Amino acid sequence: MRSRGIYVNHKRVERIMAENGLKAKYSCKRHGRYSKAYMASFHPNYLSREFSVEEKNKVWVGDITYIPTKEGYEYLMVYLDLFSRKVVGWSINRHLREQIAIEALNDAFSRENPERGLMVHTDRGAQFMSDRYSALIKRKGAFISMSRGGNPWDNAVMEAFNKSLKSELLDKKHPFETRDLARKEVFEYIEMFYNPKRLHSALGYKSPIEFEKMHFNSCTYSMCPINGGQSVRLTLKLD
């Protein structure tokens, strides 16, 4: 139906099918099995649902979600800093290959320049278990943490971000007419609304950027952590 330009809720389809005595024909369910080599790529869940972080650039969490358009799906990869809930890096593309995760991670590293020891937490998606992805994180002095299999609560903050994005952006303009329009709207949502303006109850109803400014301004004339690493003594009030 979507390929023919017809967009309808699946519940309506189910109701109409039931009214007409139609049932979907399912094949026998096959239970997937991980190969030993694939299982060896899993990393422990070092985060262990500790979502409250007291320093910037100590823990990033990431995930991929989809953006529907009439030209097909776009996929959005986002990394958040658990300290301020700020989007530190993101990438959008029409594919789900490892490159989308690597591009978003490079974006985050170039923006934030974190100290060594950063934890990067994701689920067990294939993008996050590639050799190139692991090598990049290791080269930057960071380490990987992964949710347990089939457990979205282990990455609840990212799940909440995806839910907010879809309710605040997608529902109003779903689906986007073109891929270019979707990319434009995602850029404006993240860079012009979410980071600088969107209020979070977990941050005392401050936006991510406001929360970071408030935190570092409070460090005037004291030892203040910079990038979650070494401390320096400030002599001027930060703007």
Protein backbone atom coordinates (compact mmCIF):
# COMPACT_ATOMS: atom_id res chain seq x y z
CA MET A 1 0.00 0.00 0.00
CA ARG A 2 2.81 2.38 0.83
CA SER A 3 4.50 1.65 -2.50
CA ARG A 4 1.25 2.82 -4.14
CA GLY A 5 1.15 6.03 -2.08
CA ILE A 6 -1.51 4.81 0.37
CA TYR A 7 -0.64 5.50 4.02
CA VAL A 8 -2.94 3.99 6.63
CA ASN A 9 -2.65 2.82 10.22
CA HIS A 10 -2.05 -0.91 10.57
CA LYS A 11 -4.91 -1.19 13.06
CA ARG A 12 -7.37 0.00 10.42
CA VAL A 13 -6.02 -2.60 8.01
CA GLU A 14 -6.47 -5.30 10.65
CA ARG A 15 -10.05 -4.19 11.34
CA ILE A 16 -11.04 -4.16 7.66
CA MET A 17 -9.44 -7.57 7.12
CA ALA A 18 -11.31 -8.99 10.11
CA GLU A 19 -14.62 -7.57 8.84
CA ASN A 20 -14.04 -9.37 5.54
CA GLY A 21 -12.86 -12.64 7.09
CA LEU A 22 -9.29 -12.22 5.91
CA LYS A 23 -6.25 -13.40 7.83
CA ALA A 24 -2.57 -13.02 7.16
CA LYS A 25 -0.78 -16.23 6.27
CA TYR A 26 2.35 -16.63 8.36
CA SER A 27 5.29 -18.85 7.68
CA CYS A 28 6.67 -20.98 10.48
CA LYS A 29 8.60 -18.86 12.93
CA ARG A 30 12.29 -19.49 12.96
CA HIS A 31 14.29 -18.70 16.05
CA GLY A 32 17.49 -16.91 15.17
CA ARG A 33 20.79 -18.15 16.49
CA TYR A 34 23.92 -16.13 16.88
CA SER A 35 27.09 -17.60 15.50
CA LYS A 36 30.04 -17.88 17.85
CA ALA A 37 31.92 -15.27 15.84
CA TYR A 38 28.96 -12.86 16.07
CA MET A 39 28.58 -13.41 19.82
CA ALA A 40 32.27 -12.70 20.28
CA SER A 41 31.59 -9.15 19.02
CA PHE A 42 29.22 -8.39 21.92
CA HIS A 43 30.49 -6.03 24.60
CA PRO A 44 29.41 -6.03 28.28
CA ASN A 45 26.75 -3.64 29.53
CA TYR A 46 29.09 -1.37 31.50
CA LEU A 47 26.44 1.37 31.68
CA SER A 48 24.07 -0.89 33.65
CA ARG A 49 21.24 1.70 33.48
CA GLU A 50 23.23 4.36 35.35
CA PHE A 51 21.72 7.24 33.40
CA SER A 52 22.67 10.00 35.85
CA VAL A 53 26.13 11.30 34.94
CA GLU A 54 27.77 14.21 36.74
CA GLU A 55 30.38 15.19 34.15
CA LYS A 56 30.32 16.15 30.51
CA ASN A 57 31.61 13.69 27.91
CA LYS A 58 31.83 10.75 30.27
CA VAL A 59 29.04 8.67 28.68
CA TRP A 60 27.48 8.91 25.24
CA VAL A 61 24.51 6.79 24.22
CA GLY A 62 23.52 6.16 20.61
CA ASP A 63 20.81 4.62 18.47
CA ILE A 64 19.33 4.60 14.96
CA THR A 65 15.73 5.43 14.09
CA TYR A 66 13.89 5.83 10.79
CA ILE A 67 12.37 8.90 9.14
CA PRO A 68 9.54 8.08 6.68
CA THR A 69 9.29 10.03 3.42
CA LYS A 70 7.27 9.47 0.25
CA GLU A 71 10.57 8.72 -1.48
CA GLY A 72 11.50 6.00 1.03
CA TYR A 73 13.01 5.78 4.49
CA GLU A 74 15.83 7.95 5.78
CA TYR A 75 17.75 6.63 8.79
CA LEU A 76 18.95 8.88 11.61
CA MET A 77 21.89 7.99 13.86
CA VAL A 78 22.19 10.10 17.01
CA TYR A 79 24.58 10.22 19.98
CA LEU A 80 23.53 11.93 23.23
CA ASP A 81 25.68 12.99 26.16
CA LEU A 82 24.01 11.58 29.30
CA PHE A 83 25.25 14.54 31.35
CA SER A 84 23.18 17.17 29.52
CA ARG A 85 21.07 15.05 27.14
CA LYS A 86 22.61 17.12 24.32
CA VAL A 87 22.92 15.69 20.82
CA VAL A 88 26.68 15.63 20.39
CA GLY A 89 26.75 14.01 16.97
CA TRP A 90 24.37 12.75 14.31
CA SER A 91 24.14 11.52 10.74
CA ILE A 92 21.25 10.87 8.37
CA ASN A 93 21.33 8.62 5.32
CA ARG A 94 19.18 6.32 3.23
CA HIS A 95 21.10 3.20 4.25
CA LEU A 96 21.78 1.29 7.48
CA ARG A 97 25.39 0.36 6.82
CA GLU A 98 28.12 0.86 9.43
CA GLN A 99 29.08 4.17 7.80
CA ILE A 100 26.09 5.98 9.33
CA ALA A 101 27.30 5.13 12.85
CA ILE A 102 30.90 6.07 12.01
CA GLU A 103 29.88 9.42 10.48
CA ALA A 104 27.79 10.34 13.53
CA LEU A 105 30.60 9.31 15.87
CA ASN A 106 33.17 11.37 13.94
CA ASP A 107 30.77 14.31 14.12
CA ALA A 108 30.55 13.93 17.90
CA PHE A 109 34.32 13.61 18.38
CA SER A 110 35.01 16.68 16.23
CA ARG A 111 32.45 18.77 18.15
CA GLU A 112 33.28 17.68 21.69
CA ASN A 113 36.92 16.50 21.62
CA PRO A 114 36.40 14.34 24.75
CA GLU A 115 39.16 13.14 27.02
CA ARG A 116 40.18 9.49 27.01
CA GLY A 117 37.99 7.08 28.97
CA LEU A 118 34.68 7.97 27.33
CA MET A 119 32.02 5.23 27.36
CA VAL A 120 29.94 4.84 24.16
CA HIS A 121 26.77 2.81 24.80
CA THR A 122 24.49 1.37 22.10
CA ASP A 123 22.39 -1.70 21.46
CA ARG A 124 23.74 -4.77 19.65
CA GLY A 125 23.05 -3.54 16.14
CA ALA A 126 25.36 -4.82 13.43
CA GLN A 127 26.57 -1.26 12.76
CA PHE A 128 28.08 -1.12 16.26
CA MET A 129 29.93 -4.41 16.01
CA SER A 130 31.90 -3.73 12.84
CA ASP A 131 35.68 -3.70 12.95
CA ARG A 132 35.86 -0.13 11.63
CA TYR A 133 33.49 1.16 14.31
CA SER A 134 35.38 -0.61 17.10
CA ALA A 135 38.73 0.59 15.77
CA LEU A 136 37.55 4.22 15.69
CA ILE A 137 36.40 4.11 19.31
CA LYS A 138 39.62 2.45 20.42
CA ARG A 139 41.72 4.98 18.50
CA LYS A 140 39.93 7.83 20.29
CA GLY A 141 40.65 6.31 23.69
CA ALA A 142 37.01 5.41 24.34
CA PHE A 143 35.38 2.05 25.03
CA ILE A 144 32.15 0.30 24.05
CA SER A 145 29.21 -0.69 26.22
CA MET A 146 26.19 -2.59 24.85
CA SER A 147 22.65 -3.26 25.98
CA ARG A 148 21.63 -6.81 26.65
CA GLY A 149 19.86 -8.61 23.83
CA GLY A 150 16.25 -7.54 23.30
CA ASN A 151 16.35 -5.11 26.24
CA PRO A 152 15.46 -1.52 25.20
CA TRP A 153 15.39 -0.36 28.83
CA ASP A 154 19.19 -0.66 28.91
CA ASN A 155 19.25 2.34 26.53
CA ALA A 156 16.15 4.10 27.83
CA VAL A 157 17.41 7.66 27.33
CA MET A 158 17.95 7.09 23.62
CA GLU A 159 14.55 5.39 23.36
CA ALA A 160 13.01 8.49 24.97
CA PHE A 161 14.80 10.77 22.48
CA ASN A 162 13.50 8.77 19.53
CA LYS A 163 9.99 8.90 20.95
CA SER A 164 10.19 12.67 21.44
CA LEU A 165 11.52 13.23 17.93
CA LYS A 166 8.71 11.22 16.37
CA SER A 167 5.96 12.83 18.45
CA GLU A 168 7.26 16.39 18.08
CA LEU A 169 8.47 16.30 14.49
CA LEU A 170 7.20 13.34 12.52
CA ASP A 171 3.57 13.20 13.60
CA LYS A 172 2.98 16.73 12.36
CA LYS A 173 4.44 16.18 8.89
CA HIS A 174 4.26 12.42 8.43
CA PRO A 175 5.39 11.36 5.96
CA PHE A 176 7.71 13.99 4.49
CA GLU A 177 7.24 14.69 0.80
CA THR A 178 10.94 14.33 -0.06
CA ARG A 179 14.19 13.11 1.45
CA ASP A 180 15.68 16.61 1.23
CA LEU A 181 12.78 18.06 3.22
CA ALA A 182 13.18 15.37 5.88
CA ARG A 183 16.88 16.15 6.25
CA LYS A 184 16.17 19.87 6.51
CA GLU A 185 13.53 19.34 9.19
CA VAL A 186 15.75 16.97 11.18
CA PHE A 187 18.58 19.52 11.11
CA GLU A 188 16.27 22.27 12.38
CA TYR A 189 14.81 20.02 15.07
CA ILE A 190 18.20 19.02 16.49
CA GLU A 191 20.30 22.16 15.99
CA MET A 192 17.68 24.89 16.32
CA PHE A 193 15.17 23.38 18.75
CA TYR A 194 16.26 20.29 20.68
CA ASN A 195 19.75 21.35 21.79
CA PRO A 196 19.16 25.07 22.42
CA LYS A 197 15.46 25.25 23.37
CA ARG A 198 13.79 21.98 24.35
CA LEU A 199 13.22 21.77 28.11
CA HIS A 200 13.97 18.57 30.04
CA SER A 201 12.52 17.71 33.41
CA ALA A 202 15.69 15.70 34.16
CA LEU A 203 17.70 18.94 33.72
CA GLY A 204 15.50 21.09 35.95
CA TYR A 205 13.50 22.24 32.92
CA LYS A 206 16.54 23.60 31.12
CA SER A 207 17.56 22.92 27.55
CA PRO A 208 20.76 20.87 27.03
CA ILE A 209 22.80 23.93 26.04
CA GLU A 210 21.36 26.03 28.91
CA PHE A 211 22.15 23.25 31.35
CA GLU A 212 25.77 23.05 30.22
CA LYS A 213 26.17 26.84 30.41
CA MET A 214 24.63 26.90 33.89
CA HIS A 215 26.93 24.11 35.05
CA PHE A 216 30.13 25.67 33.80
CA ASN A 217 29.19 29.20 34.86
CA SER A 218 28.76 27.88 38.40
CA CYS A 219 32.45 26.88 38.33
CA THR A 220 33.68 30.49 38.36
CA TYR A 221 36.81 30.93 40.53
CA SER A 222 36.86 27.24 41.35
CA MET A 223 38.23 23.98 40.05
CA CYS A 224 35.91 23.14 37.16
CA PRO A 225 35.93 19.89 35.14
CA ILE A 226 36.52 20.48 31.45
CA ASN A 227 35.31 17.79 29.04
CA GLY A 228 34.98 15.36 31.92
CA GLY A 229 38.74 15.22 32.35
CA GLN A 230 41.36 17.47 33.93
CA SER A 231 40.32 20.48 35.98
CA VAL A 232 41.51 24.05 35.52
CA ARG A 233 41.13 27.12 37.70
CA LEU A 234 38.95 29.75 36.05
CA THR A 235 39.62 33.44 36.58
CA LEU A 236 36.90 34.91 34.39
CA LYS A 237 33.16 34.25 34.35
CA LEU A 238 32.16 32.15 31.35
CA ASP A 239 29.57 33.63 28.97
